[in-house]
Protein backbone atom coordinates (compact mmCIF):
# COMPACT_ATOMS: atom_id res chain seq x y z
CA MET A 1 -47.49 -27.45 -116.46
CA THR A 2 -46.53 -24.89 -114.14
CA TRP A 3 -48.47 -23.55 -110.98
CA GLU A 4 -48.46 -20.28 -113.03
CA ASP A 5 -50.54 -21.75 -115.57
CA LEU A 6 -52.87 -23.10 -113.31
CA ASP A 7 -53.24 -19.69 -111.77
CA ALA A 8 -53.63 -18.06 -114.95
CA HIS A 9 -56.73 -20.90 -115.93
CA LEU A 10 -58.34 -20.12 -112.76
CA ASP A 11 -58.13 -16.30 -112.86
CA LYS A 12 -60.80 -16.66 -115.71
CA VAL A 13 -63.13 -18.33 -113.12
CA PRO A 14 -65.55 -15.93 -112.22
CA GLY A 15 -66.04 -15.98 -108.47
CA THR A 16 -63.26 -17.11 -105.79
CA VAL A 17 -61.33 -20.24 -106.15
CA SER A 18 -59.08 -20.72 -103.39
CA ALA A 19 -56.75 -24.04 -103.48
CA TYR A 20 -54.08 -25.50 -101.21
CA VAL A 21 -51.80 -28.31 -102.55
CA GLY A 22 -48.64 -29.98 -100.57
CA ARG A 23 -47.38 -32.88 -99.63
CA LEU A 24 -48.31 -33.93 -95.57
CA GLY A 25 -46.52 -32.18 -92.97
CA THR A 26 -44.63 -29.84 -95.16
CA PRO A 27 -44.95 -26.28 -96.41
CA PRO A 28 -47.53 -26.09 -99.57
CA THR A 29 -45.99 -26.61 -102.92
CA TRP A 30 -48.94 -24.44 -104.36
CA THR A 31 -51.90 -22.13 -102.83
CA ARG A 32 -54.36 -19.56 -104.45
CA GLU A 33 -56.28 -17.51 -101.73
CA ALA A 34 -55.81 -20.44 -99.61
CA ASP A 35 -57.01 -18.10 -96.23
CA ALA A 36 -60.17 -16.62 -98.22
CA THR A 37 -63.42 -17.81 -96.37
CA HIS A 38 -66.07 -19.52 -98.05
CA TYR A 39 -69.29 -20.95 -97.00
CA ALA A 40 -68.49 -24.25 -95.39
CA ALA A 41 -71.56 -26.46 -97.10
CA SER A 42 -70.76 -29.80 -95.99
CA THR A 43 -67.02 -30.05 -95.75
CA MET A 44 -67.44 -28.92 -92.14
CA LYS A 45 -68.85 -32.47 -91.30
CA MET A 46 -65.47 -33.63 -91.33
CA ALA A 47 -64.63 -31.46 -88.08
CA VAL A 48 -68.07 -32.87 -86.50
CA LEU A 49 -66.70 -36.43 -87.05
CA VAL A 50 -63.42 -35.50 -85.33
CA ALA A 51 -65.48 -34.01 -82.34
CA LEU A 52 -67.43 -37.27 -82.32
CA HIS A 53 -63.94 -39.25 -82.02
CA ARG A 54 -62.39 -37.40 -79.65
CA ALA A 55 -65.27 -37.51 -77.31
CA ALA A 56 -65.47 -41.04 -77.51
CA GLU A 57 -61.62 -41.65 -76.67
CA ALA A 58 -62.56 -39.22 -73.57
CA GLY A 59 -65.44 -41.81 -72.46
CA ARG A 60 -67.82 -39.07 -73.15
CA LEU A 61 -69.61 -40.78 -75.77
CA ASP A 62 -70.32 -44.35 -77.06
CA LEU A 63 -70.03 -44.63 -80.93
CA ASP A 64 -71.77 -47.98 -80.81
CA GLY A 65 -74.43 -46.63 -78.52
CA PRO A 66 -78.09 -46.36 -80.10
CA VAL A 67 -79.09 -42.41 -80.01
CA PRO A 68 -82.63 -41.10 -80.96
CA VAL A 69 -83.16 -40.28 -84.62
CA ARG A 70 -85.38 -37.24 -84.65
CA ASN A 71 -85.79 -34.59 -86.81
CA GLU A 72 -86.02 -31.50 -84.14
CA PHE A 73 -82.98 -29.43 -82.96
CA ASP A 74 -81.89 -26.46 -80.94
CA SER A 75 -81.13 -23.39 -82.93
CA ALA A 76 -77.65 -22.14 -82.25
CA LEU A 77 -79.41 -18.68 -81.90
CA PRO A 78 -80.51 -18.04 -78.08
CA GLY A 79 -84.47 -17.95 -78.02
CA ALA A 80 -85.08 -19.16 -81.49
CA PRO A 81 -87.69 -21.95 -82.23
CA ARG A 82 -86.35 -25.66 -82.59
CA PHE A 83 -85.79 -26.40 -86.47
CA ALA A 84 -86.08 -29.35 -88.53
CA ASN A 85 -84.40 -30.80 -91.80
CA ALA A 86 -86.37 -30.99 -95.13
CA GLN A 87 -86.03 -34.44 -96.27
CA HIS A 88 -85.95 -33.32 -100.13
CA TYR A 89 -82.67 -31.39 -99.24
CA ASP A 90 -80.82 -34.54 -97.99
CA ASN A 91 -78.76 -37.17 -99.74
CA ASP A 92 -79.75 -40.33 -97.65
CA ASP A 93 -82.87 -42.05 -97.20
CA GLU A 94 -81.81 -44.66 -95.17
CA VAL A 95 -81.08 -42.20 -92.19
CA TRP A 96 -84.53 -40.79 -92.74
CA ALA A 97 -86.11 -44.12 -92.81
CA ARG A 98 -85.02 -44.57 -89.08
CA VAL A 99 -86.95 -41.30 -87.66
CA GLY A 100 -88.85 -42.17 -84.53
CA GLY A 101 -86.43 -45.09 -83.98
CA THR A 102 -82.80 -45.18 -82.84
CA ALA A 103 -79.59 -45.98 -84.97
CA PRO A 104 -75.64 -46.34 -83.51
CA LEU A 105 -73.96 -43.00 -83.42
CA ARG A 106 -71.26 -44.38 -85.80
CA TRP A 107 -73.45 -45.38 -88.27
CA LEU A 108 -74.72 -42.27 -88.41
CA ALA A 109 -71.32 -40.31 -88.25
CA GLU A 110 -70.32 -42.76 -91.50
CA ARG A 111 -73.98 -41.62 -93.23
CA MET A 112 -73.05 -37.95 -92.25
CA ILE A 113 -69.59 -38.31 -94.38
CA ILE A 114 -69.99 -41.11 -97.31
CA ARG A 115 -73.60 -39.84 -98.39
CA SER A 116 -73.42 -36.08 -97.01
CA SER A 117 -76.68 -36.90 -95.02
CA ASN A 118 -77.69 -33.26 -93.22
CA LEU A 119 -80.06 -35.23 -90.86
CA ALA A 120 -77.20 -37.50 -89.63
CA THR A 121 -75.21 -34.47 -89.27
CA ASN A 122 -77.56 -32.43 -87.20
CA ILE A 123 -78.12 -35.63 -84.64
CA CYS A 124 -74.37 -35.87 -84.70
CA ILE A 125 -73.57 -32.30 -83.50
CA GLY A 126 -76.52 -32.50 -80.93
CA GLN A 127 -74.73 -35.42 -79.22
CA VAL A 128 -71.22 -33.68 -79.21
CA GLY A 129 -72.07 -30.26 -79.02
CA LEU A 130 -70.80 -26.89 -81.22
CA PRO A 131 -67.97 -26.17 -78.85
CA ALA A 132 -66.44 -29.59 -79.55
CA VAL A 133 -66.44 -29.08 -83.06
CA ALA A 134 -65.06 -25.66 -82.48
CA GLU A 135 -62.17 -27.33 -80.39
CA ALA A 136 -61.56 -29.81 -83.01
CA TRP A 137 -60.97 -26.83 -85.75
CA THR A 138 -58.87 -25.12 -83.30
CA LEU A 139 -56.81 -28.56 -82.60
CA ALA A 140 -56.07 -29.05 -86.26
CA GLY A 141 -54.80 -25.39 -86.47
CA ALA A 142 -57.52 -24.24 -88.17
CA ARG A 143 -57.15 -20.07 -88.36
CA HIS A 144 -60.37 -18.90 -90.00
CA SER A 145 -62.90 -21.58 -90.03
CA VAL A 146 -66.03 -21.80 -87.58
CA THR A 147 -68.77 -24.05 -87.47
CA GLY A 148 -71.21 -22.15 -85.78
CA ARG A 149 -74.85 -23.67 -86.41
CA GLY A 150 -76.43 -26.92 -87.47
CA ILE A 151 -77.84 -27.29 -91.26
CA GLU A 152 -80.79 -25.62 -91.95
CA ASP A 153 -80.56 -23.42 -88.96
CA PHE A 154 -82.13 -20.55 -90.85
CA ALA A 155 -82.84 -18.34 -87.85
CA ALA A 156 -79.18 -18.84 -86.58
CA ARG A 157 -78.03 -17.83 -90.59
CA ASP A 158 -80.44 -15.11 -90.92
CA ALA A 159 -78.61 -13.80 -87.74
CA GLY A 160 -74.99 -13.85 -88.98
CA ILE A 161 -74.04 -17.20 -87.11
CA ASP A 162 -72.72 -19.41 -90.26
CA ASN A 163 -70.51 -22.17 -90.97
CA LEU A 164 -67.27 -21.18 -92.64
CA VAL A 165 -63.90 -22.67 -94.21
CA THR A 166 -60.81 -22.15 -95.72
CA ALA A 167 -58.71 -24.05 -98.20
CA ALA A 168 -55.79 -24.01 -95.51
CA ASP A 169 -57.84 -25.24 -92.84
CA LEU A 170 -59.33 -27.99 -94.64
CA ALA A 171 -55.96 -28.90 -95.77
CA ALA A 172 -54.57 -28.58 -92.19
CA LEU A 173 -57.36 -30.97 -90.64
CA LEU A 174 -57.18 -33.48 -93.26
CA GLY A 175 -53.45 -33.48 -93.11
CA GLY A 176 -53.48 -34.05 -89.19
CA LEU A 177 -55.95 -36.96 -89.60
CA ALA A 178 -53.80 -38.58 -92.31
CA LEU A 179 -50.39 -37.93 -90.13
CA GLY A 180 -52.34 -38.53 -86.90
CA ALA A 181 -52.89 -42.11 -88.03
CA THR A 182 -49.38 -42.94 -88.42
CA ARG A 183 -47.94 -41.41 -85.25
CA PRO A 184 -49.49 -39.54 -82.19
CA GLY A 185 -51.15 -35.83 -83.09
CA PRO A 186 -53.75 -33.47 -81.33
CA LEU A 187 -56.89 -34.74 -83.20
CA ALA A 188 -57.21 -38.32 -81.96
CA SER A 189 -55.32 -41.67 -81.19
CA PRO A 190 -53.59 -43.31 -84.06
CA ALA A 191 -56.47 -45.86 -84.28
CA GLY A 192 -59.01 -43.06 -84.24
CA CYS A 193 -57.40 -41.15 -87.10
CA ALA A 194 -57.18 -44.38 -88.88
CA ALA A 195 -60.83 -45.12 -88.39
CA MET A 196 -61.81 -41.58 -89.62
CA LEU A 197 -59.83 -41.97 -92.39
CA ASP A 198 -61.30 -45.13 -93.44
CA VAL A 199 -64.88 -43.20 -93.58
CA LEU A 200 -63.65 -40.76 -95.78
CA PHE A 201 -62.09 -43.30 -98.00
CA ALA A 202 -65.63 -44.58 -98.20
CA GLN A 203 -66.97 -41.25 -99.83
CA GLU A 204 -69.59 -42.18 -102.24
CA HIS A 205 -69.86 -38.63 -103.90
CA ARG A 206 -66.89 -38.55 -106.16
CA GLU A 207 -67.44 -36.39 -108.92
CA ASP A 208 -65.03 -33.79 -108.28
CA LEU A 209 -61.60 -34.19 -106.70
CA ALA A 210 -61.88 -38.08 -107.45
CA ALA A 211 -62.90 -37.67 -110.84
CA GLY A 212 -59.64 -36.31 -111.94
CA LEU A 213 -57.91 -38.94 -110.63
CA PRO A 214 -57.08 -42.38 -111.94
CA GLU A 215 -59.82 -45.02 -111.34
CA GLY A 216 -58.79 -46.94 -108.27
CA THR A 217 -56.43 -44.23 -106.63
CA ARG A 218 -57.06 -44.08 -102.95
CA ILE A 219 -58.40 -40.78 -101.83
CA ALA A 220 -59.94 -39.52 -98.25
CA HIS A 221 -62.11 -36.85 -98.95
CA LYS A 222 -64.91 -34.56 -98.37
CA ASN A 223 -67.14 -32.31 -100.58
CA GLY A 224 -69.64 -29.90 -99.98
CA TRP A 225 -72.10 -28.08 -102.49
CA VAL A 226 -75.01 -25.65 -102.44
CA ARG A 227 -76.24 -23.26 -105.14
CA GLY A 228 -72.89 -21.21 -105.81
CA VAL A 229 -70.53 -23.16 -103.73
CA ARG A 230 -68.74 -26.47 -104.50
CA HIS A 231 -65.86 -27.58 -102.59
CA GLY A 232 -63.43 -30.64 -102.68
CA ALA A 233 -60.71 -31.40 -99.90
CA GLY A 234 -59.01 -34.47 -99.59
CA VAL A 235 -55.68 -36.68 -99.21
CA VAL A 236 -54.63 -38.57 -102.27
CA PHE A 237 -52.41 -41.66 -101.68
CA PRO A 238 -50.57 -42.56 -104.79
CA THR A 239 -48.83 -45.69 -105.02
CA ASP A 240 -45.84 -44.45 -106.98
CA ALA A 241 -45.30 -41.07 -104.58
CA PRO A 242 -45.77 -39.59 -101.26
CA PRO A 243 -49.50 -38.71 -100.40
CA TYR A 244 -50.62 -35.18 -100.75
CA ALA A 245 -53.21 -32.81 -99.66
CA ILE A 246 -55.58 -31.17 -102.32
CA VAL A 247 -58.46 -28.89 -101.48
CA VAL A 248 -60.23 -26.61 -103.90
CA CYS A 249 -62.74 -24.32 -102.74
CA THR A 250 -64.89 -22.48 -105.18
CA THR A 251 -67.66 -19.34 -104.89
CA THR A 252 -68.83 -19.10 -108.41
CA ASP A 253 -71.90 -19.09 -110.50
CA LEU A 254 -70.19 -22.43 -112.17
CA ALA A 255 -71.89 -24.60 -109.08
CA ASP A 256 -75.38 -25.21 -109.96
CA GLY A 257 -76.38 -26.77 -106.89
CA GLY A 258 -79.23 -28.22 -108.24
CA PRO A 259 -82.82 -27.32 -107.71
CA SER A 260 -83.15 -28.37 -104.24
CA GLY A 261 -79.65 -28.36 -103.50
CA GLU A 262 -79.18 -31.79 -104.48
CA GLU A 263 -75.55 -32.81 -105.86
CA VAL A 264 -75.55 -32.42 -109.74
CA GLU A 265 -72.18 -32.91 -112.05
CA ASP A 266 -71.97 -29.20 -112.81
CA ASP A 267 -69.03 -26.96 -114.07
CA ALA A 268 -67.68 -26.50 -110.84
CA CYS A 269 -67.50 -30.15 -110.56
CA ARG A 270 -65.31 -30.37 -113.75
CA LEU A 271 -63.10 -27.62 -112.66
CA ILE A 272 -62.28 -29.18 -109.44
CA ALA A 273 -61.69 -32.44 -111.30
CA HIS A 274 -59.70 -30.42 -113.86
CA VAL A 275 -57.33 -29.22 -110.84
CA SER A 276 -57.07 -32.58 -109.60
CA ALA A 277 -55.69 -34.11 -112.99
CA ARG A 278 -53.18 -31.32 -112.86
CA VAL A 279 -51.89 -31.85 -109.74
CA TRP A 280 -51.85 -35.38 -110.17
CA ALA A 281 -49.80 -35.35 -112.94
CA ALA A 282 -47.24 -33.31 -111.00
CA ARG A 283 -47.08 -35.49 -108.04
CA HIS A 284 -43.84 -36.53 -108.10
CA ASP A 285 -42.67 -32.82 -108.34
CA LEU A 286 -44.37 -31.77 -105.08
CA ALA A 287 -41.97 -30.00 -102.50
CA GLY A 288 -41.34 -31.88 -99.54
């Protein structure tokens, strides 16, 4: 395989396919429209996770303390009414079972990632604040990604306040966590970065990047999907080669998104798995 072959294959895909592949801390081996912005879907939850851990390390939050589990949130649009999440549009009944009670913030942060809970995400954003999420992106070196609102904040969305990512920015965030787990870095302490990686290793949605890897391969990753969008972003840890970052963002009709936004194994999943498998086959030849 050559990267030109992979580009030629992706040229045939309707819509926009962006990619970033490279070993950690080195220039990328292959990119494809890596600075093109896409609707973030749930990939932005990684920046929320970083913001939470940074706030905890600064003493502003207690990750092990209980917080109220309420389905009512302030809109990012000034003056707009408060909004709520729809349970049928979520992926985690365990969080919804606690509405009206409390839950540890750390547990909510984990459900936000491993089950991609929208309700848990908005509770976490309410605890840490959108400015802290923006700071996480900035510290990661992201140039174009923004988290402007919570999930299902339709008043803000309709006013043009949105959540955007690029393949390069997602790779920067993930690479910062992976490198930060081994040495001091800007995102969090090594222990904090390692803890966040552990959450990403526990990801339960494995239909895209992970599906292109041999069973048992370690990958710290997060994906995101809505109709017309499917992204996969991760760091792969082979036993026989250095770790590498891989991000594939797709805005394409291949992403079915499901009738209510639930995860489905669609052609966009299979496309991302195909790219992941091709990169895995070239893992010994990545630059760096």
